Amino acid sequence: MSVYTAPSQIAERQLASFAGKKVVIAGEAEDLFPKQLQQHAQSVTVFTSHYGYYQQMQRSGVDCQFGVEFNNNVDADLLLLYWPKAKSEAQYLLDMMLSKLAAETEVVVIGENRSGVKSIEKMFKDFGPINKYDSARRCSFYMGISQTPPSHFDINRYFKTYQVELEGARIEVQSLPGVFSHGEFDLGTQLLLANLPKLHGKVLDFGCGAGIIGAAMALRYPDIELQMCDVSAFAVESSKRTLEANGIKGHVFATDVYSQASNDYQFIISNPPFHSGLDTSYSATETLLQQAPAHLIGNGELVIVANSFLKYQPIIEKSFGQCVTVDKTNKFAIYSANK
């Protein structure tokens, strides 16, 4: 059984396409295929917005950049794009990456058919020809040439700005594609904010997304020391912009669960993610709950909102010795636990 994801398996079938090339990889890459690719290409650089994958690539000895914009310091001549789950993110990545690469750069796009990878045919029309070259494992492999790349890239064009009304206060939210709550104020977050304890001290908004929770907490309790974190560079950039738009001070940082977090929080507040790629994944949230006591000070408190069907209560009880259901609807539940 292959250790690679299905998109990487179809890329592995086409290794000859990458021979001698200066390859840059972007998008929803999740495995160690770039390590194998190093043996066939002249060079391999990974650009990722996922901090955990960035750390994995560093440990593997693969040149890797983390952020929202690629720095083409390797003079790449082939882009390998793993199709992301959000079409808007695919458009962002394509526009951004091609603007950093020279004309006549070869482009390979791989992705699961159910993810909508076929959209690349229409999306790529302005840049040059692209055609399906292979298909396997319910995935498609496209090859094209970027003959007319965008002349420049302005990230500000890709931010979606919207207003959220909360207890009479208006929060301006700024969000990049692919970020949770991109363009909407979700019901889980609303329920969480309606059930916040009285906050003080150092407060962490874990999995901050576009920054609604952190901004709302700081407006309600302006004396807190606000920290916000997320595994996504797009989320970190969005939260920074949201804080700035509302005149709020806070420290926003990228982390893979608690890898870059401190261990002296009074509160950890979260609407934790449970989606990874196209499939449901709970591992990051389970780690968040299991390790939370180690990152809280004495009598520190964890408060999360979760879909009611998710079995997080037993994990919290095992970590903290207790778990209180603060509120519950037919869709969401608010859980709280004290160290």
C-alpha atoms as a PDB file:
ATOM      1  CA  MET A   1       0.000   0.000   0.000  1.00  0.00           C
ATOM      2  CA  SER A   2       1.398   3.398  -1.022  1.00  0.00           C
ATOM      3  CA  VAL A   3       2.273   5.894   1.689  1.00  0.00           C
ATOM      4  CA  TYR A   4       1.303   8.682  -0.704  1.00  0.00           C
ATOM      5  CA  THR A   5      -2.038  10.405  -1.159  1.00  0.00           C
ATOM      6  CA  ALA A   6      -3.933   9.559  -4.347  1.00  0.00           C
ATOM      7  CA  PRO A   7      -2.853  12.810  -6.123  1.00  0.00           C
ATOM      8  CA  SER A   8       0.802  12.048  -5.336  1.00  0.00           C
ATOM      9  CA  GLN A   9       0.386   8.503  -6.635  1.00  0.00           C
ATOM     10  CA  ILE A  10      -0.700   9.806 -10.019  1.00  0.00           C
ATOM     11  CA  ALA A  11       2.234  12.254  -9.989  1.00  0.00           C
ATOM     12  CA  GLU A  12       4.551   9.344  -9.171  1.00  0.00           C
ATOM     13  CA  ARG A  13       3.330   7.596 -12.344  1.00  0.00           C
ATOM     14  CA  GLN A  14       4.578  10.618 -14.291  1.00  0.00           C
ATOM     15  CA  LEU A  15       8.009  11.134 -12.737  1.00  0.00           C
ATOM     16  CA  ALA A  16       9.556  11.575 -16.189  1.00  0.00           C
ATOM     17  CA  SER A  17       7.613  14.850 -16.525  1.00  0.00           C
ATOM     18  CA  PHE A  18       9.716  16.358 -13.718  1.00  0.00           C
ATOM     19  CA  ALA A  19      13.167  15.092 -14.786  1.00  0.00           C
ATOM     20  CA  GLY A  20      15.805  17.841 -14.672  1.00  0.00           C
ATOM     21  CA  LYS A  21      13.247  20.528 -13.802  1.00  0.00           C
ATOM     22  CA  LYS A  22      13.354  23.198 -11.094  1.00  0.00           C
ATOM     23  CA  VAL A  23      10.056  22.259  -9.485  1.00  0.00           C
ATOM     24  CA  VAL A  24       8.002  24.355  -7.090  1.00  0.00           C
ATOM     25  CA  ILE A  25       5.114  22.600  -5.357  1.00  0.00           C
ATOM     26  CA  ALA A  26       2.073  24.473  -4.044  1.00  0.00           C
ATOM     27  CA  GLY A  27      -1.431  23.695  -2.823  1.00  0.00           C
ATOM     28  CA  GLU A  28      -2.844  20.785  -0.830  1.00  0.00           C
ATOM     29  CA  ALA A  29       0.333  18.637  -0.637  1.00  0.00           C
ATOM     30  CA  GLU A  30       0.230  16.377   2.421  1.00  0.00           C
ATOM     31  CA  ASP A  31       2.909  13.686   2.085  1.00  0.00           C
ATOM     32  CA  LEU A  32       6.603  13.074   1.470  1.00  0.00           C
ATOM     33  CA  PHE A  33       6.384  12.842  -2.338  1.00  0.00           C
ATOM     34  CA  PRO A  34       8.546  16.014  -2.650  1.00  0.00           C
ATOM     35  CA  LYS A  35      11.374  14.021  -1.011  1.00  0.00           C
ATOM     36  CA  GLN A  36      11.191  11.362  -3.741  1.00  0.00           C
ATOM     37  CA  LEU A  37      10.879  14.037  -6.421  1.00  0.00           C
ATOM     38  CA  GLN A  38      14.268  15.428  -5.368  1.00  0.00           C
ATOM     39  CA  GLN A  39      15.882  12.330  -6.908  1.00  0.00           C
ATOM     40  CA  HIS A  40      14.455  13.158 -10.363  1.00  0.00           C
ATOM     41  CA  ALA A  41      14.206  16.953 -10.579  1.00  0.00           C
ATOM     42  CA  GLN A  42      17.093  19.427 -10.630  1.00  0.00           C
ATOM     43  CA  SER A  43      15.609  21.099  -7.557  1.00  0.00           C
ATOM     44  CA  VAL A  44      12.423  20.935  -5.491  1.00  0.00           C
ATOM     45  CA  THR A  45      10.949  23.760  -3.428  1.00  0.00           C
ATOM     46  CA  VAL A  46       7.661  23.478  -1.560  1.00  0.00           C
ATOM     47  CA  PHE A  47       5.465  26.501  -0.934  1.00  0.00           C
ATOM     48  CA  THR A  48       2.851  25.780   1.717  1.00  0.00           C
ATOM     49  CA  SER A  49       0.362  27.684   3.824  1.00  0.00           C
ATOM     50  CA  HIS A  50       0.149  24.771   6.328  1.00  0.00           C
ATOM     51  CA  TYR A  51       2.576  25.191   9.233  1.00  0.00           C
ATOM     52  CA  GLY A  52       2.580  21.500  10.142  1.00  0.00           C
ATOM     53  CA  TYR A  53       3.514  20.516   6.593  1.00  0.00           C
ATOM     54  CA  TYR A  54       6.197  23.219   6.575  1.00  0.00           C
ATOM     55  CA  GLN A  55       7.760  21.662   9.675  1.00  0.00           C
ATOM     56  CA  GLN A  56       7.493  18.185   8.127  1.00  0.00           C
ATOM     57  CA  MET A  57       9.308  19.339   4.976  1.00  0.00           C
ATOM     58  CA  GLN A  58      12.044  20.986   7.044  1.00  0.00           C
ATOM     59  CA  ARG A  59      12.602  17.750   8.968  1.00  0.00           C
ATOM     60  CA  SER A  60      12.733  15.873   5.652  1.00  0.00           C
ATOM     61  CA  GLY A  61      15.435  18.094   4.194  1.00  0.00           C
ATOM     62  CA  VAL A  62      13.191  19.575   1.481  1.00  0.00           C
ATOM     63  CA  ASP A  63      13.523  23.298   0.728  1.00  0.00           C
ATOM     64  CA  CYS A  64      10.277  24.839   1.916  1.00  0.00           C
ATOM     65  CA  GLN A  65       8.617  28.255   2.208  1.00  0.00           C
ATOM     66  CA  PHE A  66       5.684  29.016   4.503  1.00  0.00           C
ATOM     67  CA  GLY A  67       3.403  31.999   3.987  1.00  0.00           C
ATOM     68  CA  VAL A  68       0.767  33.556   1.763  1.00  0.00           C
ATOM     69  CA  GLU A  69       3.084  34.594  -1.097  1.00  0.00           C
ATOM     70  CA  PHE A  70       5.844  32.618  -2.816  1.00  0.00           C
ATOM     71  CA  ASN A  71       9.345  34.056  -3.153  1.00  0.00           C
ATOM     72  CA  ASN A  72      10.774  32.639  -6.386  1.00  0.00           C
ATOM     73  CA  ASN A  73      14.410  32.685  -5.317  1.00  0.00           C
ATOM     74  CA  VAL A  74      15.005  29.321  -7.012  1.00  0.00           C
ATOM     75  CA  ASP A  75      13.999  30.421 -10.534  1.00  0.00           C
ATOM     76  CA  ALA A  76      11.530  27.536 -10.806  1.00  0.00           C
ATOM     77  CA  ASP A  77      10.491  26.394 -14.298  1.00  0.00           C
ATOM     78  CA  LEU A  78       7.731  23.909 -13.400  1.00  0.00           C
ATOM     79  CA  LEU A  79       4.802  24.437 -11.033  1.00  0.00           C
ATOM     80  CA  LEU A  80       3.190  21.359  -9.492  1.00  0.00           C
ATOM     81  CA  LEU A  81      -0.137  22.458  -8.016  1.00  0.00           C
ATOM     82  CA  TYR A  82      -2.057  20.157  -5.695  1.00  0.00           C
ATOM     83  CA  TRP A  83      -5.674  21.244  -6.163  1.00  0.00           C
ATOM     84  CA  PRO A  84      -7.053  22.634  -2.850  1.00  0.00           C
ATOM     85  CA  LYS A  85     -10.531  21.962  -1.468  1.00  0.00           C
ATOM     86  CA  ALA A  86     -11.781  25.534  -2.047  1.00  0.00           C
ATOM     87  CA  LYS A  87     -12.081  26.757  -5.637  1.00  0.00           C
ATOM     88  CA  SER A  88     -11.419  30.332  -4.500  1.00  0.00           C
ATOM     89  CA  GLU A  89      -8.140  29.176  -2.938  1.00  0.00           C
ATOM     90  CA  ALA A  90      -7.197  27.418  -6.196  1.00  0.00           C
ATOM     91  CA  GLN A  91      -7.743  30.689  -8.092  1.00  0.00           C
ATOM     92  CA  TYR A  92      -5.660  32.580  -5.520  1.00  0.00           C
ATOM     93  CA  LEU A  93      -2.795  30.066  -5.701  1.00  0.00           C
ATOM     94  CA  LEU A  94      -2.827  29.962  -9.483  1.00  0.00           C
ATOM     95  CA  ASP A  95      -2.821  33.765  -9.871  1.00  0.00           C
ATOM     96  CA  MET A  96      -0.198  34.242  -7.162  1.00  0.00           C
ATOM     97  CA  MET A  97       2.187  31.462  -8.229  1.00  0.00           C
ATOM     98  CA  LEU A  98       2.051  32.248 -11.954  1.00  0.00           C
ATOM     99  CA  SER A  99       2.721  35.947 -11.262  1.00  0.00           C
ATOM    100  CA  LYS A 100       5.977  34.904  -9.549  1.00  0.00           C
ATOM    101  CA  LEU A 101       7.068  32.550 -12.356  1.00  0.00           C
ATOM    102  CA  ALA A 102       8.362  33.374 -15.828  1.00  0.00           C
ATOM    103  CA  ALA A 103       6.403  32.990 -19.060  1.00  0.00           C
ATOM    104  CA  GLU A 104       6.629  29.495 -20.584  1.00  0.00           C
ATOM    105  CA  THR A 105       6.735  27.891 -17.130  1.00  0.00           C
ATOM    106  CA  GLU A 106       5.312  24.382 -17.286  1.00  0.00           C
ATOM    107  CA  VAL A 107       2.322  23.741 -15.031  1.00  0.00           C
ATOM    108  CA  VAL A 108       1.146  20.392 -13.660  1.00  0.00           C
ATOM    109  CA  VAL A 109      -2.151  20.289 -11.734  1.00  0.00           C
ATOM    110  CA  ILE A 110      -3.200  17.180  -9.807  1.00  0.00           C
ATOM    111  CA  GLY A 111      -6.268  16.574  -7.681  1.00  0.00           C
ATOM    112  CA  GLU A 112      -9.130  14.300  -6.786  1.00  0.00           C
ATOM    113  CA  ASN A 113     -12.019  14.484  -9.257  1.00  0.00           C
ATOM    114  CA  ARG A 114     -14.521  15.067  -6.437  1.00  0.00           C
ATOM    115  CA  SER A 115     -12.566  18.184  -5.428  1.00  0.00           C
ATOM    116  CA  GLY A 116     -13.522  19.919  -8.679  1.00  0.00           C
ATOM    117  CA  VAL A 117     -10.064  19.742 -10.273  1.00  0.00           C
ATOM    118  CA  LYS A 118     -11.713  19.830 -13.706  1.00  0.00           C
ATOM    119  CA  SER A 119     -12.286  23.562 -13.039  1.00  0.00           C
ATOM    120  CA  ILE A 120      -8.622  24.101 -13.958  1.00  0.00           C
ATOM    121  CA  GLU A 121      -9.574  23.804 -17.643  1.00  0.00           C
ATOM    122  CA  LYS A 122     -11.636  27.010 -17.476  1.00  0.00           C
ATOM    123  CA  MET A 123      -9.499  28.720 -14.822  1.00  0.00           C
ATOM    124  CA  PHE A 124      -6.303  28.352 -16.856  1.00  0.00           C
ATOM    125  CA  LYS A 125      -7.683  29.682 -20.167  1.00  0.00           C
ATOM    126  CA  ASP A 126      -6.275  33.195 -19.702  1.00  0.00           C
ATOM    127  CA  PHE A 127      -2.772  31.848 -19.121  1.00  0.00           C
ATOM    128  CA  GLY A 128      -2.287  29.283 -21.875  1.00  0.00           C
ATOM    129  CA  PRO A 129      -3.149  25.729 -22.938  1.00  0.00           C
ATOM    130  CA  ILE A 130      -3.761  22.940 -20.418  1.00  0.00           C
ATOM    131  CA  ASN A 131      -4.935  19.375 -21.009  1.00  0.00           C
ATOM    132  CA  LYS A 132      -5.664  16.253 -19.014  1.00  0.00           C
ATOM    133  CA  TYR A 133      -2.698  13.940 -19.421  1.00  0.00           C
ATOM    134  CA  ASP A 134      -3.487  11.052 -17.089  1.00  0.00           C
ATOM    135  CA  SER A 135      -6.152   9.801 -14.693  1.00  0.00           C
ATOM    136  CA  ALA A 136      -6.035   7.167 -11.964  1.00  0.00           C
ATOM    137  CA  ARG A 137      -7.237   6.583  -8.400  1.00  0.00           C
ATOM    138  CA  ARG A 138     -10.177   8.931  -9.096  1.00  0.00           C
ATOM    139  CA  CYS A 139      -7.632  11.704  -9.699  1.00  0.00           C
ATOM    140  CA  SER A 140      -6.621  13.741 -12.736  1.00  0.00           C
ATOM    141  CA  PHE A 141      -3.213  14.912 -13.933  1.00  0.00           C
ATOM    142  CA  TYR A 142      -3.181  18.055 -16.084  1.00  0.00           C
ATOM    143  CA  MET A 143      -0.234  19.579 -17.948  1.00  0.00           C
ATOM    144  CA  GLY A 144      -0.080  23.081 -19.373  1.00  0.00           C
ATOM    145  CA  ILE A 145       2.151  26.052 -20.213  1.00  0.00           C
ATOM    146  CA  SER A 146       1.858  29.487 -18.621  1.00  0.00           C
ATOM    147  CA  GLN A 147       2.325  31.591 -21.749  1.00  0.00           C
ATOM    148  CA  THR A 148       0.722  34.802 -20.463  1.00  0.00           C
ATOM    149  CA  PRO A 149       1.170  34.906 -16.664  1.00  0.00           C
ATOM    150  CA  PRO A 150      -0.339  37.744 -14.594  1.00  0.00           C
ATOM    151  CA  SER A 151       1.943  40.792 -14.696  1.00  0.00           C
ATOM    152  CA  HIS A 152       1.624  41.363 -10.943  1.00  0.00           C
ATOM    153  CA  PHE A 153      -0.167  40.071  -7.871  1.00  0.00           C
ATOM    154  CA  ASP A 154      -2.087  42.211  -5.383  1.00  0.00           C
ATOM    155  CA  ILE A 155      -3.128  40.218  -2.327  1.00  0.00           C
ATOM    156  CA  ASN A 156      -5.588  42.928  -1.285  1.00  0.00           C
ATOM    157  CA  ARG A 157      -7.862  41.931  -4.182  1.00  0.00           C
ATOM    158  CA  TYR A 158      -8.436  38.532  -2.576  1.00  0.00           C
ATOM    159  CA  PHE A 159      -9.551  39.658   0.880  1.00  0.00           C
ATOM    160  CA  LYS A 160     -13.270  39.430   1.520  1.00  0.00           C
ATOM    161  CA  THR A 161     -14.443  42.098   3.988  1.00  0.00           C
ATOM    162  CA  TYR A 162     -17.696  41.834   5.918  1.00  0.00           C
ATOM    163  CA  GLN A 163     -19.295  43.192   9.084  1.00  0.00           C
ATOM    164  CA  VAL A 164     -20.379  41.236  12.164  1.00  0.00           C
ATOM    165  CA  GLU A 165     -22.765  42.720  14.727  1.00  0.00           C
ATOM    166  CA  LEU A 166     -22.074  41.588  18.275  1.00  0.00           C
ATOM    167  CA  GLU A 167     -23.694  43.059  21.405  1.00  0.00           C
ATOM    168  CA  GLY A 168     -24.114  46.384  19.665  1.00  0.00           C
ATOM    169  CA  ALA A 169     -20.478  46.426  18.522  1.00  0.00           C
ATOM    170  CA  ARG A 170     -19.570  46.093  14.863  1.00  0.00           C
ATOM    171  CA  ILE A 171     -16.546  44.009  13.928  1.00  0.00           C
ATOM    172  CA  GLU A 172     -14.979  44.319  10.505  1.00  0.00           C
ATOM    173  CA  VAL A 173     -13.691  40.901   9.402  1.00  0.00           C
ATOM    174  CA  GLN A 174     -11.099  40.464   6.671  1.00  0.00           C
ATOM    175  CA  SER A 175     -10.611  37.009   5.220  1.00  0.00           C
ATOM    176  CA  LEU A 176      -8.553  35.279   2.533  1.00  0.00           C
ATOM    177  CA  PRO A 177      -9.858  32.317   0.502  1.00  0.00           C
ATOM    178  CA  GLY A 178      -9.730  28.921   2.192  1.00  0.00           C
ATOM    179  CA  VAL A 179     -10.076  30.384   5.702  1.00  0.00           C
ATOM    180  CA  PHE A 180     -12.855  29.111   7.988  1.00  0.00           C
ATOM    181  CA  SER A 181     -15.732  31.626   8.177  1.00  0.00           C
ATOM    182  CA  HIS A 182     -14.600  33.131   4.874  1.00  0.00           C
ATOM    183  CA  GLY A 183     -17.381  35.646   4.328  1.00  0.00           C
ATOM    184  CA  GLU A 184     -19.758  34.383   7.017  1.00  0.00           C
ATOM    185  CA  PHE A 185     -20.412  34.441  10.774  1.00  0.00           C
ATOM    186  CA  ASP A 186     -21.024  30.763  11.533  1.00  0.00           C
ATOM    187  CA  LEU A 187     -23.534  29.569  14.125  1.00  0.00           C
ATOM    188  CA  GLY A 188     -20.989  27.658  16.212  1.00  0.00           C
ATOM    189  CA  THR A 189     -18.907  30.780  16.729  1.00  0.00           C
ATOM    190  CA  GLN A 190     -22.028  32.758  17.630  1.00  0.00           C
ATOM    191  CA  LEU A 191     -22.956  30.193  20.305  1.00  0.00           C
ATOM    192  CA  LEU A 192     -19.406  30.179  21.693  1.00  0.00           C
ATOM    193  CA  LEU A 193     -19.304  33.973  22.002  1.00  0.00           C
ATOM    194  CA  ALA A 194     -22.694  33.935  23.735  1.00  0.00           C
ATOM    195  CA  ASN A 195     -21.270  31.562  26.373  1.00  0.00           C
ATOM    196  CA  LEU A 196     -17.848  33.055  27.114  1.00  0.00           C
ATOM    197  CA  PRO A 197     -16.755  33.175  30.760  1.00  0.00           C
ATOM    198  CA  LYS A 198     -15.494  36.469  32.153  1.00  0.00           C
ATOM    199  CA  LEU A 199     -12.045  36.646  30.619  1.00  0.00           C
ATOM    200  CA  HIS A 200      -8.861  37.990  32.178  1.00  0.00           C
ATOM    201  CA  GLY A 201      -5.145  37.423  31.887  1.00  0.00           C
ATOM    202  CA  LYS A 202      -3.536  35.685  28.916  1.00  0.00           C
ATOM    203  CA  VAL A 203      -6.122  34.315  26.480  1.00  0.00           C
ATOM    204  CA  LEU A 204      -5.464  32.100  23.444  1.00  0.00           C
ATOM    205  CA  ASP A 205      -7.882  31.937  20.514  1.00  0.00           C
ATOM    206  CA  PHE A 206      -6.868  28.538  19.130  1.00  0.00           C
ATOM    207  CA  GLY A 207      -7.616  27.979  15.420  1.00  0.00           C
ATOM    208  CA  CYS A 208      -8.377  31.654  14.943  1.00  0.00           C
ATOM    209  CA  GLY A 209      -9.498  31.533  11.293  1.00  0.00           C
ATOM    210  CA  ALA A 210     -10.520  35.005  10.161  1.00  0.00           C
ATOM    211  CA  GLY A 211     -10.212  36.369  13.713  1.00  0.00           C
ATOM    212  CA  ILE A 212     -13.836  36.863  14.754  1.00  0.00           C
ATOM    213  CA  ILE A 213     -13.491  35.163  18.153  1.00  0.00           C
ATOM    214  CA  GLY A 214     -10.267  36.924  19.115  1.00  0.00           C
ATOM    215  CA  ALA A 215     -11.565  40.325  18.029  1.00  0.00           C
ATOM    216  CA  ALA A 216     -14.858  39.832  19.879  1.00  0.00           C
ATOM    217  CA  MET A 217     -13.078  38.754  23.092  1.00  0.00           C
ATOM    218  CA  ALA A 218     -10.733  41.751  22.998  1.00  0.00           C
ATOM    219  CA  LEU A 219     -13.584  44.201  22.419  1.00  0.00           C
ATOM    220  CA  ARG A 220     -15.579  42.739  25.305  1.00  0.00           C
ATOM    221  CA  TYR A 221     -12.560  42.395  27.628  1.00  0.00           C
ATOM    222  CA  PRO A 222     -10.010  44.997  26.494  1.00  0.00           C
ATOM    223  CA  ASP A 223      -7.613  44.254  29.377  1.00  0.00           C
ATOM    224  CA  ILE A 224      -6.848  40.673  28.312  1.00  0.00           C
ATOM    225  CA  GLU A 225      -3.501  39.721  26.773  1.00  0.00           C
ATOM    226  CA  LEU A 226      -4.759  38.319  23.482  1.00  0.00           C
ATOM    227  CA  GLN A 227      -2.943  35.645  21.518  1.00  0.00           C
ATOM    228  CA  MET A 228      -4.320  33.957  18.406  1.00  0.00           C
ATOM    229  CA  CYS A 229      -2.970  31.009  16.479  1.00  0.00           C
ATOM    230  CA  ASP A 230      -3.709  28.827  13.479  1.00  0.00           C
ATOM    231  CA  VAL A 231      -1.956  26.212  11.332  1.00  0.00           C
ATOM    232  CA  SER A 232      -2.854  28.198   8.188  1.00  0.00           C
ATOM    233  CA  ALA A 233      -0.834  31.152   6.915  1.00  0.00           C
ATOM    234  CA  PHE A 234      -4.015  32.429   5.248  1.00  0.00           C
ATOM    235  CA  ALA A 235      -5.778  32.406   8.624  1.00  0.00           C
ATOM    236  CA  VAL A 236      -2.866  34.122  10.392  1.00  0.00           C
ATOM    237  CA  GLU A 237      -2.787  36.875   7.765  1.00  0.00           C
ATOM    238  CA  SER A 238      -6.593  37.238   7.887  1.00  0.00           C
ATOM    239  CA  SER A 239      -6.645  37.504  11.688  1.00  0.00           C
ATOM    240  CA  LYS A 240      -3.867  40.094  11.646  1.00  0.00           C
ATOM    241  CA  ARG A 241      -5.881  42.163   9.165  1.00  0.00           C
ATOM    242  CA  THR A 242      -9.069  41.775  11.233  1.00  0.00           C
ATOM    243  CA  LEU A 243      -7.329  42.986  14.403  1.00  0.00           C
ATOM    244  CA  GLU A 244      -5.781  45.906  12.526  1.00  0.00           C
ATOM    245  CA  ALA A 245      -9.136  46.873  10.959  1.00  0.00           C
ATOM    246  CA  ASN A 246     -10.701  47.094  14.417  1.00  0.00           C
ATOM    247  CA  GLY A 247      -7.812  48.798  16.222  1.00  0.00           C
ATOM    248  CA  ILE A 248      -7.179  45.736  18.418  1.00  0.00           C
ATOM    249  CA  LYS A 249      -3.790  44.661  19.745  1.00  0.00           C
ATOM    250  CA  GLY A 250      -2.906  40.997  19.828  1.00  0.00           C
ATOM    251  CA  HIS A 251      -0.196  38.510  18.916  1.00  0.00           C
ATOM    252  CA  VAL A 252      -1.119  36.238  15.980  1.00  0.00           C
ATOM    253  CA  PHE A 253       1.173  33.333  15.148  1.00  0.00           C
ATOM    254  CA  ALA A 254       1.367  30.137  13.118  1.00  0.00           C
ATOM    255  CA  THR A 255       1.608  26.813  14.933  1.00  0.00           C
ATOM    256  CA  ASP A 256       0.974  23.109  14.453  1.00  0.00           C
ATOM    257  CA  VAL A 257      -1.366  22.518  17.413  1.00  0.00           C
ATOM    258  CA  TYR A 258       0.783  23.727  20.350  1.00  0.00           C
ATOM    259  CA  SER A 259       4.221  23.581  18.652  1.00  0.00           C
ATOM    260  CA  GLN A 260       4.772  27.358  18.916  1.00  0.00           C
ATOM    261  CA  ALA A 261       2.400  28.096  21.835  1.00  0.00           C
ATOM    262  CA  SER A 262       3.407  28.972  25.393  1.00  0.00           C
ATOM    263  CA  ASN A 263       2.291  27.164  28.557  1.00  0.00           C
ATOM    264  CA  ASP A 264       0.874  29.991  30.678  1.00  0.00           C
ATOM    265  CA  TYR A 265      -2.613  30.718  29.359  1.00  0.00           C
ATOM    266  CA  GLN A 266      -5.456  31.597  31.704  1.00  0.00           C
ATOM    267  CA  PHE A 267      -7.969  30.652  28.999  1.00  0.00           C
ATOM    268  CA  ILE A 268      -7.861  28.616  25.792  1.00  0.00           C
ATOM    269  CA  ILE A 269     -10.935  29.421  23.700  1.00  0.00           C
ATOM    270  CA  SER A 270     -11.597  27.543  20.466  1.00  0.00           C
ATOM    271  CA  ASN A 271     -13.968  26.668  17.685  1.00  0.00           C
ATOM    272  CA  PRO A 272     -11.639  23.849  16.662  1.00  0.00           C
ATOM    273  CA  PRO A 273     -11.347  22.651  13.074  1.00  0.00           C
ATOM    274  CA  PHE A 274     -12.298  19.134  12.153  1.00  0.00           C
ATOM    275  CA  HIS A 275     -11.792  19.205   8.403  1.00  0.00           C
ATOM    276  CA  SER A 276      -8.549  18.426   6.656  1.00  0.00           C
ATOM    277  CA  GLY A 277      -8.590  18.433   2.869  1.00  0.00           C
ATOM    278  CA  LEU A 278     -11.738  16.738   1.585  1.00  0.00           C
ATOM    279  CA  ASP A 279     -11.931  14.253   4.428  1.00  0.00           C
ATOM    280  CA  THR A 280     -12.920  14.685   8.061  1.00  0.00           C
ATOM    281  CA  SER A 281     -10.016  14.715  10.512  1.00  0.00           C
ATOM    282  CA  TYR A 282     -10.134  15.002  14.290  1.00  0.00           C
ATOM    283  CA  SER A 283      -6.488  14.438  15.211  1.00  0.00           C
ATOM    284  CA  ALA A 284      -5.527  18.108  15.668  1.00  0.00           C
ATOM    285  CA  THR A 285      -8.535  18.777  17.898  1.00  0.00           C
ATOM    286  CA  GLU A 286      -7.900  15.635  19.949  1.00  0.00           C
ATOM    287  CA  THR A 287      -4.323  16.818  20.528  1.00  0.00           C
ATOM    288  CA  LEU A 288      -5.653  20.285  21.400  1.00  0.00           C
ATOM    289  CA  LEU A 289      -7.887  18.755  24.099  1.00  0.00           C
ATOM    290  CA  GLN A 290      -5.386  16.203  25.392  1.00  0.00           C
ATOM    291  CA  GLN A 291      -2.530  18.678  25.798  1.00  0.00           C
ATOM    292  CA  ALA A 292      -4.569  21.708  26.925  1.00  0.00           C
ATOM    293  CA  PRO A 293      -3.803  21.281  30.672  1.00  0.00           C
ATOM    294  CA  ALA A 294      -0.059  21.550  29.967  1.00  0.00           C
ATOM    295  CA  HIS A 295      -0.621  24.969  28.392  1.00  0.00           C
ATOM    296  CA  LEU A 296      -2.896  26.405  31.095  1.00  0.00           C
ATOM    297  CA  ILE A 297      -1.838  27.912  34.403  1.00  0.00           C
ATOM    298  CA  GLY A 298      -3.386  26.681  37.671  1.00  0.00           C
ATOM    299  CA  ASN A 299      -7.197  26.912  37.500  1.00  0.00           C
ATOM    300  CA  GLY A 300      -6.909  27.868  33.819  1.00  0.00           C
ATOM    301  CA  GLU A 301      -9.950  27.090  31.689  1.00  0.00           C
ATOM    302  CA  LEU A 302     -10.609  25.505  28.306  1.00  0.00           C
ATOM    303  CA  VAL A 303     -13.818  26.491  26.477  1.00  0.00           C
ATOM    304  CA  ILE A 304     -14.708  25.041  23.074  1.00  0.00           C
ATOM    305  CA  VAL A 305     -17.669  24.770  20.724  1.00  0.00           C
ATOM    306  CA  ALA A 306     -18.112  21.581  18.748  1.00  0.00           C
ATOM    307  CA  ASN A 307     -20.674  19.865  16.568  1.00  0.00           C
ATOM    308  CA  SER A 308     -22.938  17.910  18.909  1.00  0.00           C
ATOM    309  CA  PHE A 309     -22.155  14.586  17.216  1.00  0.00           C
ATOM    310  CA  LEU A 310     -18.420  14.830  17.941  1.00  0.00           C
ATOM    311  CA  LYS A 311     -17.340  12.743  20.958  1.00  0.00           C
ATOM    312  CA  TYR A 312     -15.064  15.301  22.589  1.00  0.00           C
ATOM    313  CA  GLN A 313     -16.460  15.041  26.125  1.00  0.00           C
ATOM    314  CA  PRO A 314     -14.613  11.798  27.004  1.00  0.00           C
ATOM    315  CA  ILE A 315     -11.311  13.255  25.759  1.00  0.00           C
ATOM    316  CA  ILE A 316     -11.775  16.406  27.858  1.00  0.00           C
ATOM    317  CA  GLU A 317     -12.778  14.345  30.904  1.00  0.00           C
ATOM    318  CA  LYS A 318      -9.683  12.186  30.534  1.00  0.00           C
ATOM    319  CA  SER A 319      -7.430  15.262  30.229  1.00  0.00           C
ATOM    320  CA  PHE A 320      -9.011  17.416  32.955  1.00  0.00           C
ATOM    321  CA  GLY A 321     -10.865  14.938  35.146  1.00  0.00           C
ATOM    322  CA  GLN A 322     -14.149  16.696  34.376  1.00  0.00           C
ATOM    323  CA  CYS A 323     -16.114  18.386  31.590  1.00  0.00           C
ATOM    324  CA  VAL A 324     -19.120  20.698  31.829  1.00  0.00           C
ATOM    325  CA  THR A 325     -21.648  21.098  29.011  1.00  0.00           C
ATOM    326  CA  VAL A 326     -22.318  24.829  29.250  1.00  0.00           C
ATOM    327  CA  ASP A 327     -24.886  25.034  26.461  1.00  0.00           C
ATOM    328  CA  LYS A 328     -26.255  22.798  23.742  1.00  0.00           C
ATOM    329  CA  THR A 329     -28.400  23.157  20.619  1.00  0.00           C
ATOM    330  CA  ASN A 330     -29.462  20.464  18.170  1.00  0.00           C
ATOM    331  CA  LYS A 331     -26.272  21.176  16.233  1.00  0.00           C
ATOM    332  CA  PHE A 332     -23.617  22.499  18.636  1.00  0.00           C
ATOM    333  CA  ALA A 333     -22.395  22.058  22.200  1.00  0.00           C
ATOM    334  CA  ILE A 334     -20.232  24.288  24.417  1.00  0.00           C
ATOM    335  CA  TYR A 335     -17.801  22.367  26.643  1.00  0.00           C
ATOM    336  CA  SER A 336     -15.749  23.815  29.499  1.00  0.00           C
ATOM    337  CA  ALA A 337     -13.117  22.370  31.813  1.00  0.00           C
ATOM    338  CA  ASN A 338     -10.852  23.825  34.496  1.00  0.00           C
ATOM    339  CA  LYS A 339      -7.333  22.679  35.237  1.00  0.00           C
END
